[in-house]
């Protein structure tokens, strides 16, 4: 149960950071 909760937190952090990362990488590719 604890590991499942830990995985949920990690997936939540990744889900939040993906749009932020894309916003940064988009101008750099230009």
PDB file of N, CA and C in Angstrom:
ATOM      1  N   UNK A   1       0.837  -1.208   0.000  1.00  0.00           N
ATOM      2  CA  UNK A   1       0.000   0.000   0.000  1.00  0.00           C
ATOM      3  C   UNK A   1       0.871   1.256   0.000  1.00  0.00           C
ATOM      4  N   UNK A   2       1.943   1.208   0.785  1.00  0.00           N
ATOM      5  CA  UNK A   2       2.811   2.384   0.873  1.00  0.00           C
ATOM      6  C   UNK A   2       3.496   2.665  -0.464  1.00  0.00           C
ATOM      7  N   UNK A   3       3.975   1.590  -1.114  1.00  0.00           N
ATOM      8  CA  UNK A   3       4.655   1.757  -2.407  1.00  0.00           C
ATOM      9  C   UNK A   3       3.683   2.277  -3.465  1.00  0.00           C
ATOM     10  N   UNK A   4       2.427   1.849  -3.374  1.00  0.00           N
ATOM     11  CA  UNK A   4       1.410   2.313  -4.325  1.00  0.00           C
ATOM     12  C   UNK A   4       1.166   3.805  -4.135  1.00  0.00           C
ATOM     13  N   UNK A   5       1.137   4.233  -2.880  1.00  0.00           N
ATOM     14  CA  UNK A   5       0.950   5.650  -2.578  1.00  0.00           C
ATOM     15  C   UNK A   5       2.144   6.463  -3.079  1.00  0.00           C
ATOM     16  N   UNK A   6       3.339   5.917  -2.908  1.00  0.00           N
ATOM     17  CA  UNK A   6       4.557   6.575  -3.372  1.00  0.00           C
ATOM     18  C   UNK A   6       4.531   6.728  -4.890  1.00  0.00           C
ATOM     19  N   UNK A   7       4.080   5.673  -5.582  1.00  0.00           N
ATOM     20  CA  UNK A   7       3.981   5.708  -7.040  1.00  0.00           C
ATOM     21  C   UNK A   7       2.967   6.754  -7.486  1.00  0.00           C
ATOM     22  N   UNK A   8       1.880   6.903  -6.720  1.00  0.00           N
ATOM     23  CA  UNK A   8       0.859   7.902  -7.034  1.00  0.00           C
ATOM     24  C   UNK A   8       1.414   9.317  -6.947  1.00  0.00           C
ATOM     25  N   UNK A   9       2.256   9.545  -5.935  1.00  0.00           N
ATOM     26  CA  UNK A   9       2.870  10.869  -5.771  1.00  0.00           C
ATOM     27  C   UNK A   9       3.817  11.156  -6.927  1.00  0.00           C
ATOM     28  N   UNK A  10       4.614  10.155  -7.309  1.00  0.00           N
ATOM     29  CA  UNK A  10       5.580  10.320  -8.407  1.00  0.00           C
ATOM     30  C   UNK A  10       4.856  10.612  -9.720  1.00  0.00           C
ATOM     31  N   UNK A  11       3.783   9.853  -9.989  1.00  0.00           N
ATOM     32  CA  UNK A  11       3.026  10.056 -11.228  1.00  0.00           C
ATOM     33  C   UNK A  11       2.355  11.425 -11.236  1.00  0.00           C
ATOM     34  N   UNK A  12       1.932  11.899 -10.039  1.00  0.00           N
ATOM     35  CA  UNK A  12       1.300  13.211  -9.934  1.00  0.00           C
ATOM     36  C   UNK A  12       2.317  14.313 -10.222  1.00  0.00           C
ATOM     37  N   UNK A  13       3.520  14.164  -9.679  1.00  0.00           N
ATOM     38  CA  UNK A  13       4.590  15.153  -9.907  1.00  0.00           C
ATOM     39  C   UNK A  13       4.952  15.203 -11.389  1.00  0.00           C
ATOM     40  N   UNK A  14       5.062  14.029 -12.025  1.00  0.00           N
ATOM     41  CA  UNK A  14       5.383  13.962 -13.456  1.00  0.00           C
ATOM     42  C   UNK A  14       4.273  14.612 -14.275  1.00  0.00           C
ATOM     43  N   UNK A  15       3.027  14.332 -13.914  1.00  0.00           N
ATOM     44  CA  UNK A  15       1.877  14.882 -14.639  1.00  0.00           C
ATOM     45  C   UNK A  15       1.855  16.403 -14.551  1.00  0.00           C
ATOM     46  N   UNK A  16       2.273  16.960 -13.413  1.00  0.00           N
ATOM     47  CA  UNK A  16       2.320  18.419 -13.243  1.00  0.00           C
ATOM     48  C   UNK A  16       3.499  19.006 -14.020  1.00  0.00           C
ATOM     49  N   UNK A  17       4.625  18.297 -14.048  1.00  0.00           N
ATOM     50  CA  UNK A  17       5.861  18.838 -14.615  1.00  0.00           C
ATOM     51  C   UNK A  17       5.944  18.714 -16.133  1.00  0.00           C
ATOM     52  N   UNK A  18       5.163  17.813 -16.745  1.00  0.00           N
ATOM     53  CA  UNK A  18       5.232  17.629 -18.203  1.00  0.00           C
ATOM     54  C   UNK A  18       4.873  18.915 -18.961  1.00  0.00           C
ATOM     55  N   UNK A  19       3.765  19.609 -18.665  1.00  0.00           N
ATOM     56  CA  UNK A  19       3.462  20.853 -19.389  1.00  0.00           C
ATOM     57  C   UNK A  19       4.517  21.933 -19.127  1.00  0.00           C
ATOM     58  N   UNK A  20       5.046  21.976 -17.902  1.00  0.00           N
ATOM     59  CA  UNK A  20       6.074  22.950 -17.552  1.00  0.00           C
ATOM     60  C   UNK A  20       7.353  22.694 -18.342  1.00  0.00           C
ATOM     61  N   UNK A  21       7.729  21.426 -18.460  1.00  0.00           N
ATOM     62  CA  UNK A  21       8.924  21.041 -19.208  1.00  0.00           C
ATOM     63  C   UNK A  21       8.755  21.345 -20.690  1.00  0.00           C
ATOM     64  N   UNK A  22       7.560  21.077 -21.236  1.00  0.00           N
ATOM     65  CA  UNK A  22       7.298  21.339 -22.654  1.00  0.00           C
ATOM     66  C   UNK A  22       7.349  22.836 -22.940  1.00  0.00           C
ATOM     67  N   UNK A  23       6.836  23.643 -22.007  1.00  0.00           N
ATOM     68  CA  UNK A  23       6.850  25.096 -22.176  1.00  0.00           C
ATOM     69  C   UNK A  23       8.282  25.615 -22.245  1.00  0.00           C
ATOM     70  N   UNK A  24       9.183  24.988 -21.496  1.00  0.00           N
ATOM     71  CA  UNK A  24      10.594  25.409 -21.495  1.00  0.00           C
ATOM     72  C   UNK A  24      11.310  24.899 -22.750  1.00  0.00           C
ATOM     73  N   UNK A  25      11.066  23.646 -23.133  1.00  0.00           N
ATOM     74  CA  UNK A  25      11.801  23.041 -24.248  1.00  0.00           C
ATOM     75  C   UNK A  25      11.352  23.590 -25.601  1.00  0.00           C
ATOM     76  N   UNK A  26      10.126  24.087 -25.695  1.00  0.00           N
ATOM     77  CA  UNK A  26       9.624  24.605 -26.968  1.00  0.00           C
ATOM     78  C   UNK A  26      10.429  25.806 -27.468  1.00  0.00           C
ATOM     79  N   UNK A  27      10.641  26.854 -26.651  1.00  0.00           N
ATOM     80  CA  UNK A  27      11.446  27.993 -27.139  1.00  0.00           C
ATOM     81  C   UNK A  27      12.903  27.600 -27.400  1.00  0.00           C
ATOM     82  N   UNK A  28      13.433  26.640 -26.653  1.00  0.00           N
ATOM     83  CA  UNK A  28      14.827  26.234 -26.849  1.00  0.00           C
ATOM     84  C   UNK A  28      15.030  25.556 -28.199  1.00  0.00           C
ATOM     85  N   UNK A  29      14.013  24.836 -28.671  1.00  0.00           N
ATOM     86  CA  UNK A  29      14.123  24.166 -29.970  1.00  0.00           C
ATOM     87  C   UNK A  29      14.113  25.186 -31.112  1.00  0.00           C
ATOM     88  N   UNK A  30      13.461  26.303 -30.912  1.00  0.00           N
ATOM     89  CA  UNK A  30      13.456  27.356 -31.923  1.00  0.00           C
ATOM     90  C   UNK A  30      14.835  28.000 -31.977  1.00  0.00           C
TER      91      UNK A  30
END
